[in-house]
Amino acid sequence: MNAPTDQRILVGIDGSESSMEALRLAARLAEALDAPLEAIACAGDPTVLDAELLVDEEALRANHERILARTVAAVFGEDVPGRLTTTVTHGRPAGRLITESETAQLLVLGRRGRGGLLGSSLGSVSHACVSYAHCPVLVVRH
């Protein structure tokens, strides 16, 4: 068994099936490494969100907290890992994840999220994180 570490494994969540697969794999890795696991949802820039989500910051945060809670429930049910924390942050997802990667041992992402550029092997967020993150990035193919 490995010695426990305080350096977290970070996983980006957007509610997509791809991010659910990323969370599943990140949880297995965190357990094997005895590392904390943080699932983070980024309440992005309101200028790029759907028109019905153009609301105040608190409503935007509440929406992303629901997405995060639904994702955790779908992946783990009642068996949520003890070292899992969830965070909702504001800002563009790629930028926030890159910043958060400064204090992570690993960033785990789905290959493509909700925006999914057609014909692209990586979504814009995963592409930016692979290019600029401060820690290794694991992209989970779904």
Protein backbone atom coordinates (compact mmCIF):
# COMPACT_ATOMS: atom_id res chain seq x y z
CA MET A 1 0.00 0.00 0.00
CA ASN A 2 1.26 3.46 -0.85
CA ALA A 3 1.78 6.11 1.82
CA PRO A 4 -1.08 8.62 1.88
CA THR A 5 -0.54 11.89 0.07
CA ASP A 6 -2.16 15.28 0.54
CA GLN A 7 -1.66 16.17 -3.11
CA ARG A 8 -5.09 15.79 -4.69
CA ILE A 9 -6.33 14.24 -7.85
CA LEU A 10 -8.53 16.79 -9.58
CA VAL A 11 -11.36 15.85 -11.94
CA GLY A 12 -13.35 18.28 -14.08
CA ILE A 13 -17.12 17.75 -14.04
CA ASP A 14 -19.66 19.18 -16.49
CA GLY A 15 -22.42 16.61 -16.16
CA SER A 16 -21.56 14.83 -19.41
CA GLU A 17 -21.17 11.06 -19.62
CA SER A 18 -17.51 11.70 -20.44
CA SER A 19 -16.98 13.55 -17.15
CA MET A 20 -18.76 10.73 -15.29
CA GLU A 21 -16.27 8.25 -16.74
CA ALA A 22 -13.44 10.58 -15.73
CA LEU A 23 -14.78 10.68 -12.16
CA ARG A 24 -15.03 6.87 -12.02
CA LEU A 25 -11.42 6.45 -13.11
CA ALA A 26 -10.15 9.29 -10.91
CA ALA A 27 -11.80 7.68 -7.89
CA ARG A 28 -10.06 4.36 -8.57
CA LEU A 29 -6.71 6.13 -8.92
CA ALA A 30 -7.27 8.19 -5.76
CA GLU A 31 -8.06 5.03 -3.81
CA ALA A 32 -4.98 3.22 -5.15
CA LEU A 33 -2.75 6.20 -4.32
CA ASP A 34 -4.53 7.01 -1.04
CA ALA A 35 -4.92 10.55 -2.34
CA PRO A 36 -7.68 13.11 -1.86
CA LEU A 37 -10.06 13.46 -4.78
CA GLU A 38 -11.64 16.76 -5.76
CA ALA A 39 -14.44 17.01 -8.30
CA ILE A 40 -14.71 20.54 -9.63
CA ALA A 41 -17.43 22.13 -11.73
CA CYS A 42 -16.78 25.51 -13.32
CA ALA A 43 -19.69 27.89 -13.57
CA GLY A 44 -18.30 29.40 -16.73
CA ASP A 45 -18.39 32.77 -18.34
CA PRO A 46 -22.09 33.74 -18.67
CA THR A 47 -21.47 35.02 -22.19
CA VAL A 48 -20.98 31.46 -23.43
CA LEU A 49 -23.79 29.77 -21.53
CA ASP A 50 -27.29 28.95 -22.72
CA ALA A 51 -29.73 31.87 -22.67
CA GLU A 52 -31.82 30.33 -19.86
CA LEU A 53 -28.75 30.26 -17.63
CA LEU A 54 -28.01 33.96 -18.00
CA VAL A 55 -28.86 34.68 -14.39
CA ASP A 56 -27.14 35.99 -11.31
CA GLU A 57 -24.02 34.34 -9.93
CA GLU A 58 -25.86 32.57 -7.10
CA ALA A 59 -28.30 30.90 -9.50
CA LEU A 60 -25.39 29.90 -11.74
CA ARG A 61 -23.54 28.43 -8.75
CA ALA A 62 -26.68 26.57 -7.62
CA ASN A 63 -27.11 25.08 -11.10
CA HIS A 64 -23.53 23.79 -11.10
CA GLU A 65 -23.88 22.45 -7.56
CA ARG A 66 -26.87 20.42 -8.81
CA ILE A 67 -24.85 19.15 -11.79
CA LEU A 68 -22.03 18.14 -9.47
CA ALA A 69 -24.38 16.44 -6.98
CA ARG A 70 -26.20 14.54 -9.75
CA THR A 71 -22.89 13.41 -11.24
CA VAL A 72 -21.53 12.19 -7.90
CA ALA A 73 -24.82 10.37 -7.18
CA ALA A 74 -24.86 8.77 -10.64
CA VAL A 75 -21.28 7.55 -10.33
CA PHE A 76 -21.19 6.42 -6.69
CA GLY A 77 -24.77 6.10 -5.46
CA GLU A 78 -24.58 5.75 -1.67
CA ASP A 79 -20.90 4.65 -1.74
CA VAL A 80 -19.23 8.08 -2.03
CA PRO A 81 -15.46 7.96 -1.39
CA GLY A 82 -14.50 9.39 2.00
CA ARG A 83 -11.76 11.62 0.60
CA LEU A 84 -13.96 13.15 -2.12
CA THR A 85 -14.62 16.88 -1.98
CA THR A 86 -16.69 18.86 -4.45
CA THR A 87 -16.13 22.45 -5.50
CA VAL A 88 -17.98 24.88 -7.72
CA THR A 89 -15.87 27.73 -9.01
CA HIS A 90 -16.50 30.62 -11.39
CA GLY A 91 -14.63 31.35 -14.59
CA ARG A 92 -13.88 29.73 -17.88
CA PRO A 93 -13.49 26.00 -17.28
CA ALA A 94 -10.13 25.57 -19.01
CA GLY A 95 -8.58 28.53 -17.22
CA ARG A 96 -9.89 27.50 -13.81
CA LEU A 97 -8.77 23.88 -14.22
CA ILE A 98 -5.32 24.97 -15.38
CA THR A 99 -4.99 27.24 -12.33
CA GLU A 100 -6.24 24.51 -9.99
CA SER A 101 -3.77 22.05 -11.54
CA GLU A 102 -0.92 23.95 -9.87
CA THR A 103 -1.69 22.13 -6.61
CA ALA A 104 -2.75 18.75 -8.00
CA GLN A 105 -0.75 15.62 -8.71
CA LEU A 106 -3.06 14.72 -11.60
CA LEU A 107 -5.91 16.30 -13.57
CA VAL A 108 -8.48 13.86 -14.99
CA LEU A 109 -10.88 14.95 -17.72
CA GLY A 110 -13.34 13.48 -20.13
CA ARG A 111 -12.26 13.63 -23.75
CA ARG A 112 -15.16 15.83 -24.78
CA GLY A 113 -17.72 17.58 -22.64
CA ARG A 114 -21.05 19.14 -23.30
CA GLY A 115 -19.83 21.48 -26.04
CA GLY A 116 -17.98 18.82 -28.04
CA LEU A 117 -16.50 20.21 -31.24
CA LEU A 118 -17.67 17.96 -34.05
CA GLY A 119 -14.83 16.12 -35.74
CA SER A 120 -12.41 16.99 -32.95
CA SER A 121 -10.72 14.25 -30.96
CA LEU A 122 -10.54 16.52 -27.88
CA GLY A 123 -12.95 19.14 -26.64
CA SER A 124 -11.72 22.70 -26.16
CA VAL A 125 -11.32 22.35 -22.37
CA SER A 126 -9.42 19.06 -22.50
CA HIS A 127 -7.24 20.38 -25.33
CA ALA A 128 -6.31 23.52 -23.37
CA CYS A 129 -5.62 21.52 -20.20
CA VAL A 130 -3.42 19.01 -22.02
CA SER A 131 -1.47 21.94 -23.45
CA TYR A 132 -1.14 24.16 -20.36
CA ALA A 133 -1.83 22.28 -17.10
CA HIS A 134 0.82 22.34 -14.39
CA CYS A 135 0.50 18.61 -13.65
CA PRO A 136 0.01 15.46 -15.71
CA VAL A 137 -3.38 15.26 -17.44
CA LEU A 138 -5.27 12.02 -17.99
CA VAL A 139 -7.94 12.24 -20.68
CA VAL A 140 -10.56 9.51 -20.42
CA ARG A 141 -12.02 8.30 -23.67
CA HIS A 142 -15.70 7.46 -23.48
